N, C-alpha and C. Protein backbone atom coordinates (compact mmCIF):
# COMPACT_ATOMS: atom_id res chain seq x y z
N UNK A 1 -17.53 -17.64 6.53
CA UNK A 1 -16.92 -17.91 5.61
C UNK A 1 -18.17 -18.69 4.93
N UNK A 2 -18.20 -18.72 3.24
CA UNK A 2 -18.95 -19.50 2.66
C UNK A 2 -18.78 -20.63 2.19
N UNK A 3 -19.40 -21.73 1.66
CA UNK A 3 -18.95 -22.81 1.16
C UNK A 3 -17.61 -23.01 0.28
N UNK A 4 -17.80 -22.01 -0.74
CA UNK A 4 -16.87 -21.89 -1.75
C UNK A 4 -15.49 -21.39 -1.14
N UNK A 5 -15.40 -20.63 -0.09
CA UNK A 5 -14.14 -20.08 0.92
C UNK A 5 -13.58 -21.46 1.14
N UNK A 6 -14.70 -21.83 1.96
CA UNK A 6 -13.78 -23.06 3.13
C UNK A 6 -13.23 -24.21 1.98
N UNK A 7 -14.17 -24.24 0.80
CA UNK A 7 -13.57 -25.40 0.05
C UNK A 7 -12.26 -25.02 -0.23
N UNK A 8 -11.90 -23.65 -1.00
CA UNK A 8 -11.01 -23.06 -1.42
C UNK A 8 -9.49 -23.12 -0.39
N UNK A 9 -10.07 -22.97 0.85
CA UNK A 9 -9.08 -22.96 2.03
C UNK A 9 -8.56 -24.23 2.35
N UNK A 10 -9.84 -25.31 2.17
CA UNK A 10 -9.38 -27.02 2.61
C UNK A 10 -8.16 -27.48 1.60
N UNK A 11 -8.76 -26.75 0.15
CA UNK A 11 -7.79 -27.28 -0.74
C UNK A 11 -6.06 -27.10 -0.48
N UNK A 12 -6.17 -25.72 -0.45
CA UNK A 12 -4.73 -25.10 -0.11
C UNK A 12 -4.14 -25.62 0.77
N UNK A 13 -4.79 -26.15 2.27
CA UNK A 13 -4.42 -26.82 3.38
C UNK A 13 -3.76 -27.86 3.04
N UNK A 14 -4.62 -28.66 2.17
CA UNK A 14 -4.34 -30.04 1.56
C UNK A 14 -2.91 -30.08 1.18
N UNK A 15 -3.00 -28.90 0.18
CA UNK A 15 -1.41 -28.81 -0.73
C UNK A 15 -0.25 -28.90 0.27
N UNK A 16 -0.47 -27.71 1.06
CA UNK A 16 0.40 -27.45 2.62
C UNK A 16 0.36 -28.35 3.27
N UNK A 17 -0.29 -29.31 3.17
CA UNK A 17 -0.03 -30.43 4.49
C UNK A 17 -0.49 -29.85 5.78
N UNK A 18 -1.60 -28.89 5.92
CA UNK A 18 -1.43 -28.37 7.11
C UNK A 18 -3.43 -28.07 7.38
N UNK A 19 -3.80 -27.94 8.42
CA UNK A 19 -5.19 -27.91 8.52
C UNK A 19 -5.79 -26.58 8.16
N UNK A 20 -7.31 -26.38 7.66
CA UNK A 20 -7.68 -25.14 7.22
C UNK A 20 -7.55 -24.34 8.11
N UNK A 21 -7.86 -24.70 9.48
CA UNK A 21 -7.88 -23.71 10.29
C UNK A 21 -6.48 -23.19 10.79
N UNK A 22 -5.27 -23.48 10.88
CA UNK A 22 -4.08 -23.10 10.97
C UNK A 22 -3.82 -22.15 9.61
N UNK A 23 -4.06 -22.60 8.36
CA UNK A 23 -3.92 -21.56 7.41
C UNK A 23 -4.74 -20.21 7.22
N UNK A 24 -5.92 -20.36 7.64
CA UNK A 24 -6.61 -19.63 7.94
C UNK A 24 -6.07 -18.29 9.03
N UNK A 25 -5.77 -19.03 9.94
CA UNK A 25 -4.85 -17.97 11.36
C UNK A 25 -3.83 -17.40 10.91
N UNK A 26 -2.92 -18.32 10.08
CA UNK A 26 -1.68 -17.71 9.30
C UNK A 26 -2.15 -16.69 8.57
N UNK A 27 -3.12 -16.72 7.49
CA UNK A 27 -3.40 -15.39 6.42
C UNK A 27 -3.87 -14.44 7.50
N UNK A 28 -4.66 -14.46 8.49
CA UNK A 28 -4.94 -13.37 9.24
C UNK A 28 -3.88 -12.45 9.79
N UNK A 29 -3.14 -13.78 10.49
CA UNK A 29 -1.77 -12.82 11.20
C UNK A 29 -1.25 -12.17 10.06
N UNK A 30 -1.18 -12.71 8.99
CA UNK A 30 -0.15 -11.99 7.47
C UNK A 30 -0.86 -10.71 7.45
N UNK A 31 -2.50 -10.49 7.54
CA UNK A 31 -2.76 -9.30 7.17
C UNK A 31 -2.27 -8.21 8.11
N UNK A 32 -2.29 -8.50 9.47
CA UNK A 32 -1.49 -7.78 10.49
C UNK A 32 0.01 -7.13 9.77
N UNK A 33 0.74 -8.08 9.51
CA UNK A 33 1.99 -7.63 9.03
C UNK A 33 1.83 -6.79 7.89
N UNK A 34 1.32 -7.14 6.79
CA UNK A 34 0.89 -6.39 5.85
C UNK A 34 0.70 -5.10 5.72
N UNK A 35 -0.39 -4.80 7.06
CA UNK A 35 -0.73 -3.64 7.31
C UNK A 35 0.32 -2.77 7.98
N UNK A 36 1.16 -3.21 8.58
CA UNK A 36 2.34 -2.52 9.35
C UNK A 36 3.23 -2.21 8.03
N UNK A 37 3.68 -2.95 7.38
CA UNK A 37 4.61 -2.59 6.24
C UNK A 37 4.04 -1.65 5.39
N UNK A 38 2.66 -1.37 4.92
CA UNK A 38 1.82 -0.67 4.36
C UNK A 38 2.12 0.50 4.52
N UNK A 39 1.75 0.70 6.24
CA UNK A 39 1.66 1.66 6.72
C UNK A 39 3.11 2.88 6.65
N UNK A 40 4.34 1.95 6.83
CA UNK A 40 5.79 2.38 6.87
C UNK A 40 5.96 2.98 5.59
N UNK A 41 5.37 1.97 4.39
CA UNK A 41 5.81 2.58 2.84
C UNK A 41 4.77 3.78 2.64
N UNK A 42 3.83 3.83 3.40
CA UNK A 42 2.95 4.97 3.00
C UNK A 42 3.93 6.40 3.86
N UNK A 43 4.04 6.10 4.93
CA UNK A 43 4.81 7.24 5.74
C UNK A 43 5.97 7.81 4.96
N UNK A 44 6.76 6.96 4.74
CA UNK A 44 8.20 7.10 3.60
C UNK A 44 7.68 7.67 2.60
N UNK A 45 6.97 7.33 1.89
CA UNK A 45 6.35 7.96 0.72
C UNK A 45 5.83 9.46 0.97
N UNK A 46 5.04 9.48 2.09
CA UNK A 46 4.63 11.15 2.21
C UNK A 46 5.90 11.85 2.75
N UNK A 47 6.81 11.33 3.45
CA UNK A 47 8.06 12.29 3.87
C UNK A 47 8.93 12.59 2.58
N UNK A 48 9.29 11.46 1.63
CA UNK A 48 9.81 12.06 0.43
C UNK A 48 8.76 12.92 -0.56
N UNK A 49 7.72 13.12 -0.31
CA UNK A 49 6.50 13.77 -1.17
C UNK A 49 6.58 15.64 -0.52
N UNK A 50 7.06 15.41 0.79
CA UNK A 50 6.66 16.49 1.67
C UNK A 50 7.81 17.48 1.48
N UNK A 51 9.18 16.50 1.61
CA UNK A 51 10.39 17.00 1.34
C UNK A 51 10.61 17.75 0.22
N UNK A 52 9.93 16.78 -1.19
CA UNK A 52 10.26 17.72 -2.39
C UNK A 52 9.26 18.95 -2.42
N UNK A 53 7.95 19.00 -1.59
CA UNK A 53 7.32 20.18 -1.89
C UNK A 53 8.36 21.34 -0.95
N UNK A 54 8.76 20.64 -0.02
CA UNK A 54 9.38 21.94 0.60
C UNK A 54 10.85 22.46 0.04
N UNK A 55 11.33 21.59 -0.88
CA UNK A 55 12.62 22.06 -1.74
C UNK A 55 11.95 22.84 -2.95
N UNK A 56 10.76 22.61 -3.16
CA UNK A 56 10.08 23.46 -4.58
C UNK A 56 10.06 24.77 -3.88
N UNK A 57 9.44 24.64 -2.32
CA UNK A 57 9.04 26.12 -1.98
C UNK A 57 10.46 27.02 -1.53
N UNK A 58 11.64 26.08 -1.30
CA UNK A 58 12.73 26.93 -0.83
C UNK A 58 13.34 27.15 -1.99
N UNK A 59 13.17 26.80 -3.18
CA UNK A 59 14.37 27.11 -4.25
C UNK A 59 13.48 27.94 -5.79
N UNK A 60 12.09 28.00 -5.42
CA UNK A 60 11.59 28.65 -6.18
C UNK A 60 12.11 30.01 -6.79
N UNK A 61 12.61 30.61 -6.06
CA UNK A 61 12.99 31.93 -6.45
C UNK A 61 14.23 31.84 -7.52
N UNK A 62 15.23 30.73 -7.48
CA UNK A 62 16.10 30.84 -7.91
C UNK A 62 16.09 29.84 -9.22
N UNK A 63 14.65 29.18 -9.26
CA UNK A 63 14.44 28.44 -10.70
C UNK A 63 13.67 29.85 -11.38
N UNK A 64 12.94 30.52 -10.80
CA UNK A 64 12.18 31.77 -11.36
C UNK A 64 13.73 32.53 -12.34
N UNK A 65 14.71 32.67 -11.23
CA UNK A 65 15.80 33.47 -12.06
C UNK A 65 16.38 32.81 -13.28
N UNK A 66 16.32 31.71 -13.20
CA UNK A 66 16.88 30.89 -14.50
C UNK A 66 15.71 30.68 -15.52
N UNK A 67 14.35 30.71 -15.12
CA UNK A 67 13.52 30.65 -16.14
C UNK A 67 13.26 29.63 -16.93
N UNK A 68 13.65 28.39 -15.70
CA UNK A 68 13.34 27.07 -16.49
C UNK A 68 12.02 26.19 -15.54
N UNK A 69 11.20 26.78 -15.24
CA UNK A 69 10.53 26.34 -14.13
C UNK A 69 9.39 25.82 -14.99
N UNK A 70 9.20 25.56 -15.87
CA UNK A 70 7.87 24.93 -16.59
C UNK A 70 8.36 23.11 -16.39
N UNK A 71 9.31 22.84 -16.98
CA UNK A 71 9.60 21.69 -17.10
C UNK A 71 9.85 21.10 -15.45
N UNK A 72 10.70 21.82 -14.88
CA UNK A 72 10.58 21.53 -13.50
C UNK A 72 9.40 21.32 -12.50
N UNK A 73 8.35 22.23 -13.13
CA UNK A 73 7.12 21.85 -12.13
C UNK A 73 6.30 20.71 -12.66
N UNK A 74 6.50 20.60 -14.18
CA UNK A 74 5.72 19.46 -14.57
C UNK A 74 6.02 18.01 -14.16
N UNK A 75 7.42 18.11 -13.97
CA UNK A 75 8.27 16.74 -13.39
C UNK A 75 7.78 16.68 -11.75
N UNK A 76 7.53 17.45 -11.32
CA UNK A 76 7.07 17.32 -9.60
C UNK A 76 5.83 17.20 -9.69
N UNK A 77 4.98 17.77 -10.57
CA UNK A 77 3.57 17.50 -10.36
C UNK A 77 3.47 16.36 -10.64
N UNK A 78 4.15 15.79 -11.95
CA UNK A 78 3.86 14.07 -12.30
C UNK A 78 4.09 12.91 -11.36
N UNK A 79 5.23 13.66 -10.81
CA UNK A 79 5.79 12.75 -9.97
C UNK A 79 4.77 12.54 -8.53
N UNK A 80 4.12 13.82 -7.88
CA UNK A 80 3.29 14.01 -7.05
C UNK A 80 2.25 13.24 -7.32
N UNK A 81 1.56 13.28 -8.38
CA UNK A 81 0.28 12.42 -9.05
C UNK A 81 0.62 10.96 -8.51
N UNK A 82 1.90 10.50 -9.59
CA UNK A 82 2.11 9.13 -8.89
C UNK A 82 2.13 8.82 -7.71
N UNK A 83 2.91 9.62 -6.74
CA UNK A 83 2.78 9.41 -5.59
C UNK A 83 1.47 9.13 -4.62
N UNK A 84 0.45 10.00 -4.96
CA UNK A 84 -0.84 10.10 -4.70
C UNK A 84 -1.41 9.09 -4.71
N UNK A 85 -0.97 8.40 -6.16
CA UNK A 85 -1.89 7.18 -6.68
C UNK A 85 -1.57 6.18 -5.72
N UNK A 86 -0.02 6.06 -5.55
CA UNK A 86 0.74 4.95 -4.73
C UNK A 86 0.30 4.96 -3.50
N UNK A 87 -0.05 6.45 -2.81
CA UNK A 87 -0.52 6.33 -1.21
C UNK A 87 -1.78 5.96 -1.27
N UNK A 88 -2.53 6.30 -2.09
CA UNK A 88 -3.89 5.70 -1.85
C UNK A 88 -4.08 4.20 -2.17
N UNK A 89 -3.49 3.85 -2.93
CA UNK A 89 -3.46 2.23 -2.87
C UNK A 89 -2.87 1.52 -1.38
N UNK A 90 -1.69 2.05 -1.03
CA UNK A 90 -1.07 1.50 0.21
C UNK A 90 -2.07 1.77 1.17
N UNK A 91 -2.74 3.29 1.62
CA UNK A 91 -3.44 3.54 2.96
C UNK A 91 -4.45 2.78 2.55
N UNK A 92 -4.98 2.11 1.62
CA UNK A 92 -6.61 1.17 1.47
C UNK A 92 -6.18 0.21 2.29
N UNK A 93 -5.34 -0.57 1.65
CA UNK A 93 -4.71 -1.69 2.07
C UNK A 93 -4.48 -1.96 3.45
N UNK A 94 -3.63 -0.90 4.09
CA UNK A 94 -3.41 -1.00 5.47
C UNK A 94 -4.40 -0.39 6.04
N UNK A 95 -5.43 0.12 5.72
CA UNK A 95 -6.66 0.24 6.57
C UNK A 95 -7.35 -0.92 6.58
N UNK A 96 -7.59 -1.60 5.23
CA UNK A 96 -8.05 -2.98 5.42
C UNK A 96 -7.64 -4.12 6.22
N UNK A 97 -6.21 -4.38 6.36
CA UNK A 97 -5.68 -4.72 7.01
C UNK A 97 -6.02 -4.67 8.59
N UNK A 98 -5.45 -3.61 9.18
CA UNK A 98 -5.99 -3.37 10.23
C UNK A 98 -7.06 -3.53 10.67
N UNK A 99 -8.38 -3.24 10.07
CA UNK A 99 -9.78 -2.89 10.52
C UNK A 99 -10.66 -4.35 10.40
N UNK A 100 -10.06 -4.81 9.33
CA UNK A 100 -10.87 -6.18 8.85
C UNK A 100 -9.99 -7.26 8.33
N UNK A 101 -8.88 -7.70 8.99
CA UNK A 101 -8.07 -8.98 8.53
C UNK A 101 -8.58 -10.04 8.02
N UNK A 102 -9.90 -10.16 8.26
CA UNK A 102 -10.41 -11.56 7.60
C UNK A 102 -10.66 -11.36 6.25
N UNK A 103 -11.19 -10.00 5.98
CA UNK A 103 -11.81 -9.87 4.73
C UNK A 103 -10.12 -9.65 3.51
N UNK A 104 -9.23 -9.31 4.47
CA UNK A 104 -7.72 -8.94 3.22
C UNK A 104 -7.61 -10.73 3.19
N UNK A 105 -7.43 -11.47 4.15
CA UNK A 105 -7.35 -12.77 3.86
C UNK A 105 -8.05 -13.30 2.75
N UNK A 106 -9.23 -13.20 2.92
CA UNK A 106 -10.29 -13.98 2.08
C UNK A 106 -9.89 -13.20 0.46
N UNK A 107 -9.62 -11.88 0.27
CA UNK A 107 -9.15 -11.47 -0.90
C UNK A 107 -7.98 -12.10 -1.61
N UNK A 108 -6.96 -11.86 -0.61
CA UNK A 108 -6.23 -12.98 -1.11
C UNK A 108 -6.23 -14.31 -1.30
N UNK A 109 -6.93 -14.94 -0.62
CA UNK A 109 -7.41 -16.61 -1.27
C UNK A 109 -8.11 -16.52 -2.59
N UNK A 110 -8.91 -15.15 -2.89
CA UNK A 110 -9.39 -15.41 -3.88
C UNK A 110 -9.00 -14.57 -5.40
N UNK A 111 -7.65 -14.24 -5.16
CA UNK A 111 -6.86 -13.77 -6.11
C UNK A 111 -6.04 -14.58 -6.86
């Protein structure tokens, strides 16, 4: 850690009435828990997205017969796009938490 980060950790530790080493250790442990939570959220969102695509694949014939496919496909495409953006953010943070928890803890301190 550089001096600015050490100063910030010491100030936070003083506010919480603990030592800087203890506070840093807690933040590093929290990184792993955040990574696990983000991994579960990523997997849940992936299952929902895949279920939606399977639903579309199975019901495409019925929607084609009714002739109302444009709005349906646009809605699912929009939802897939939003889900992909959220999954990228969750995945990036989960990987950061697992590979380099100190970097995640530093990011949390600087925010």
